[in-house]
Amino acid sequence: MDDFTKPAVDCFVEALYSGEVDKLEKGIFEEVNKMAHVFDVSWLTKRCLKFYKAEVLKFENNSYKEMLFACEIASRAHYNLKDSRYVSCFVNNVTFGENGKF
């Protein structure tokens, strides 16, 4: 697990033992999500998607930086993890959510 930061590994291992993702935050979300996919922890991949919808797509400041961050995560999840749900959530949030531009 040299590819991952210590906080991400700690969060992942704690989640496996406790069944909770209390330490999950935006800064380590992508790493934890990748580990959940690589090690095929289906309940954790679902929780990561829930976190993405609730926290990453929140767009507290409705800023370009927040939207770009969310878009990059969705893009990498689609390309690297073959998980298109993130792209769908991003597009729906940006086009139809309260942040919708169209």
C-alpha atoms as a PDB file:
ATOM      1  CA  MET A   1       0.000   0.000   0.000  1.00  0.00           C
ATOM      2  CA  ASP A   2       2.871   2.347  -0.748  1.00  0.00           C
ATOM      3  CA  ASP A   3       0.660   4.072  -3.316  1.00  0.00           C
ATOM      4  CA  PHE A   4      -1.546   5.539  -0.594  1.00  0.00           C
ATOM      5  CA  THR A   5      -1.045   8.085   2.177  1.00  0.00           C
ATOM      6  CA  LYS A   6      -1.068   7.024   5.817  1.00  0.00           C
ATOM      7  CA  PRO A   7      -4.324   8.891   6.619  1.00  0.00           C
ATOM      8  CA  ALA A   8      -6.083   7.154   3.708  1.00  0.00           C
ATOM      9  CA  VAL A   9      -4.816   3.713   4.751  1.00  0.00           C
ATOM     10  CA  ASP A  10      -5.798   4.392   8.362  1.00  0.00           C
ATOM     11  CA  CYS A  11      -9.300   5.415   7.276  1.00  0.00           C
ATOM     12  CA  PHE A  12      -9.636   2.342   5.055  1.00  0.00           C
ATOM     13  CA  VAL A  13      -8.440  -0.113   7.715  1.00  0.00           C
ATOM     14  CA  GLU A  14     -10.598   1.488  10.406  1.00  0.00           C
ATOM     15  CA  ALA A  15     -13.601   1.288   8.087  1.00  0.00           C
ATOM     16  CA  LEU A  16     -12.957  -2.417   7.527  1.00  0.00           C
ATOM     17  CA  TYR A  17     -12.819  -3.096  11.260  1.00  0.00           C
ATOM     18  CA  SER A  18     -15.638  -0.818  12.371  1.00  0.00           C
ATOM     19  CA  GLY A  19     -17.951  -0.738   9.369  1.00  0.00           C
ATOM     20  CA  GLU A  20     -17.957   3.063   9.575  1.00  0.00           C
ATOM     21  CA  VAL A  21     -16.140   5.775   7.625  1.00  0.00           C
ATOM     22  CA  ASP A  22     -15.822   8.399  10.334  1.00  0.00           C
ATOM     23  CA  LYS A  23     -12.388   9.575   9.144  1.00  0.00           C
ATOM     24  CA  LEU A  24     -13.361  10.002   5.492  1.00  0.00           C
ATOM     25  CA  GLU A  25     -12.759  13.518   4.213  1.00  0.00           C
ATOM     26  CA  LYS A  26     -12.308  15.220   0.858  1.00  0.00           C
ATOM     27  CA  GLY A  27      -8.504  15.104   1.015  1.00  0.00           C
ATOM     28  CA  ILE A  28      -8.330  11.300   1.216  1.00  0.00           C
ATOM     29  CA  PHE A  29     -11.638  10.366  -0.377  1.00  0.00           C
ATOM     30  CA  GLU A  30     -10.204   9.372  -3.746  1.00  0.00           C
ATOM     31  CA  GLU A  31      -7.576   7.095  -2.229  1.00  0.00           C
ATOM     32  CA  VAL A  32     -10.074   5.357   0.043  1.00  0.00           C
ATOM     33  CA  ASN A  33     -12.460   4.917  -2.877  1.00  0.00           C
ATOM     34  CA  LYS A  34      -9.672   3.419  -4.984  1.00  0.00           C
ATOM     35  CA  MET A  35      -8.746   0.961  -2.213  1.00  0.00           C
ATOM     36  CA  ALA A  36     -12.405  -0.011  -1.837  1.00  0.00           C
ATOM     37  CA  HIS A  37     -12.560  -0.779  -5.561  1.00  0.00           C
ATOM     38  CA  VAL A  38      -9.193  -2.565  -5.728  1.00  0.00           C
ATOM     39  CA  PHE A  39      -9.979  -4.775  -2.733  1.00  0.00           C
ATOM     40  CA  ASP A  40     -13.615  -5.195  -3.840  1.00  0.00           C
ATOM     41  CA  VAL A  41     -15.233  -3.889  -0.654  1.00  0.00           C
ATOM     42  CA  SER A  42     -18.684  -3.271  -2.104  1.00  0.00           C
ATOM     43  CA  TRP A  43     -20.266  -1.688   0.971  1.00  0.00           C
ATOM     44  CA  LEU A  44     -17.394   0.824   1.124  1.00  0.00           C
ATOM     45  CA  THR A  45     -17.636   1.710  -2.575  1.00  0.00           C
ATOM     46  CA  LYS A  46     -21.313   2.516  -1.941  1.00  0.00           C
ATOM     47  CA  ARG A  47     -20.415   4.668   1.076  1.00  0.00           C
ATOM     48  CA  CYS A  48     -17.784   6.482  -0.984  1.00  0.00           C
ATOM     49  CA  LEU A  49     -20.382   7.289  -3.638  1.00  0.00           C
ATOM     50  CA  LYS A  50     -22.712   8.531  -0.903  1.00  0.00           C
ATOM     51  CA  PHE A  51     -19.882  10.710   0.460  1.00  0.00           C
ATOM     52  CA  TYR A  52     -19.214  12.076  -3.033  1.00  0.00           C
ATOM     53  CA  LYS A  53     -22.869  13.039  -3.449  1.00  0.00           C
ATOM     54  CA  ALA A  54     -23.182  14.569   0.030  1.00  0.00           C
ATOM     55  CA  GLU A  55     -19.818  16.258   0.503  1.00  0.00           C
ATOM     56  CA  VAL A  56     -17.940  16.700  -2.769  1.00  0.00           C
ATOM     57  CA  LEU A  57     -20.965  17.806  -4.790  1.00  0.00           C
ATOM     58  CA  LYS A  58     -22.101  20.174  -2.054  1.00  0.00           C
ATOM     59  CA  PHE A  59     -20.337  23.150  -3.714  1.00  0.00           C
ATOM     60  CA  GLU A  60     -20.419  25.288  -0.577  1.00  0.00           C
ATOM     61  CA  ASN A  61     -19.013  28.325  -2.392  1.00  0.00           C
ATOM     62  CA  ASN A  62     -20.340  27.401  -5.835  1.00  0.00           C
ATOM     63  CA  SER A  63     -16.832  28.051  -7.097  1.00  0.00           C
ATOM     64  CA  TYR A  64     -15.040  26.904 -10.223  1.00  0.00           C
ATOM     65  CA  LYS A  65     -12.403  25.210  -8.058  1.00  0.00           C
ATOM     66  CA  GLU A  66     -15.047  23.075  -6.276  1.00  0.00           C
ATOM     67  CA  MET A  67     -16.710  22.087  -9.525  1.00  0.00           C
ATOM     68  CA  LEU A  68     -13.388  21.259 -11.163  1.00  0.00           C
ATOM     69  CA  PHE A  69     -12.390  19.107  -8.163  1.00  0.00           C
ATOM     70  CA  ALA A  70     -15.671  17.177  -8.374  1.00  0.00           C
ATOM     71  CA  CYS A  71     -15.357  16.812 -12.139  1.00  0.00           C
ATOM     72  CA  GLU A  72     -11.774  15.520 -11.877  1.00  0.00           C
ATOM     73  CA  ILE A  73     -12.803  12.911  -9.311  1.00  0.00           C
ATOM     74  CA  ALA A  74     -15.680  11.780 -11.525  1.00  0.00           C
ATOM     75  CA  SER A  75     -13.418  11.606 -14.540  1.00  0.00           C
ATOM     76  CA  ARG A  76     -10.717   9.583 -12.767  1.00  0.00           C
ATOM     77  CA  ALA A  77     -13.317   7.233 -11.258  1.00  0.00           C
ATOM     78  CA  HIS A  78     -14.707   6.604 -14.717  1.00  0.00           C
ATOM     79  CA  TYR A  79     -11.329   6.181 -16.412  1.00  0.00           C
ATOM     80  CA  ASN A  80      -9.336   4.367 -13.703  1.00  0.00           C
ATOM     81  CA  LEU A  81     -12.023   2.463 -11.799  1.00  0.00           C
ATOM     82  CA  LYS A  82     -14.491   1.973 -14.651  1.00  0.00           C
ATOM     83  CA  ASP A  83     -17.218   3.435 -12.441  1.00  0.00           C
ATOM     84  CA  SER A  84     -19.464   5.790 -14.414  1.00  0.00           C
ATOM     85  CA  ARG A  85     -21.778   6.565 -11.472  1.00  0.00           C
ATOM     86  CA  TYR A  86     -19.591   9.509 -10.462  1.00  0.00           C
ATOM     87  CA  VAL A  87     -19.865  11.131 -13.885  1.00  0.00           C
ATOM     88  CA  SER A  88     -23.643  10.655 -13.831  1.00  0.00           C
ATOM     89  CA  CYS A  89     -23.908  12.211 -10.371  1.00  0.00           C
ATOM     90  CA  PHE A  90     -21.706  15.132 -11.380  1.00  0.00           C
ATOM     91  CA  VAL A  91     -23.640  15.854 -14.573  1.00  0.00           C
ATOM     92  CA  ASN A  92     -26.997  15.581 -12.813  1.00  0.00           C
ATOM     93  CA  ASN A  93     -25.849  17.868 -10.024  1.00  0.00           C
ATOM     94  CA  VAL A  94     -24.408  20.529 -12.294  1.00  0.00           C
ATOM     95  CA  THR A  95     -27.236  20.513 -14.821  1.00  0.00           C
ATOM     96  CA  PHE A  96     -30.330  19.741 -12.761  1.00  0.00           C
ATOM     97  CA  GLY A  97     -29.405  20.435  -9.119  1.00  0.00           C
ATOM     98  CA  GLU A  98     -29.583  23.739  -7.355  1.00  0.00           C
ATOM     99  CA  ASN A  99     -26.210  24.481  -8.968  1.00  0.00           C
ATOM    100  CA  GLY A 100     -27.748  23.813 -12.387  1.00  0.00           C
ATOM    101  CA  LYS A 101     -26.725  26.080 -15.182  1.00  0.00           C
ATOM    102  CA  PHE A 102     -29.089  24.802 -17.880  1.00  0.00           C
END
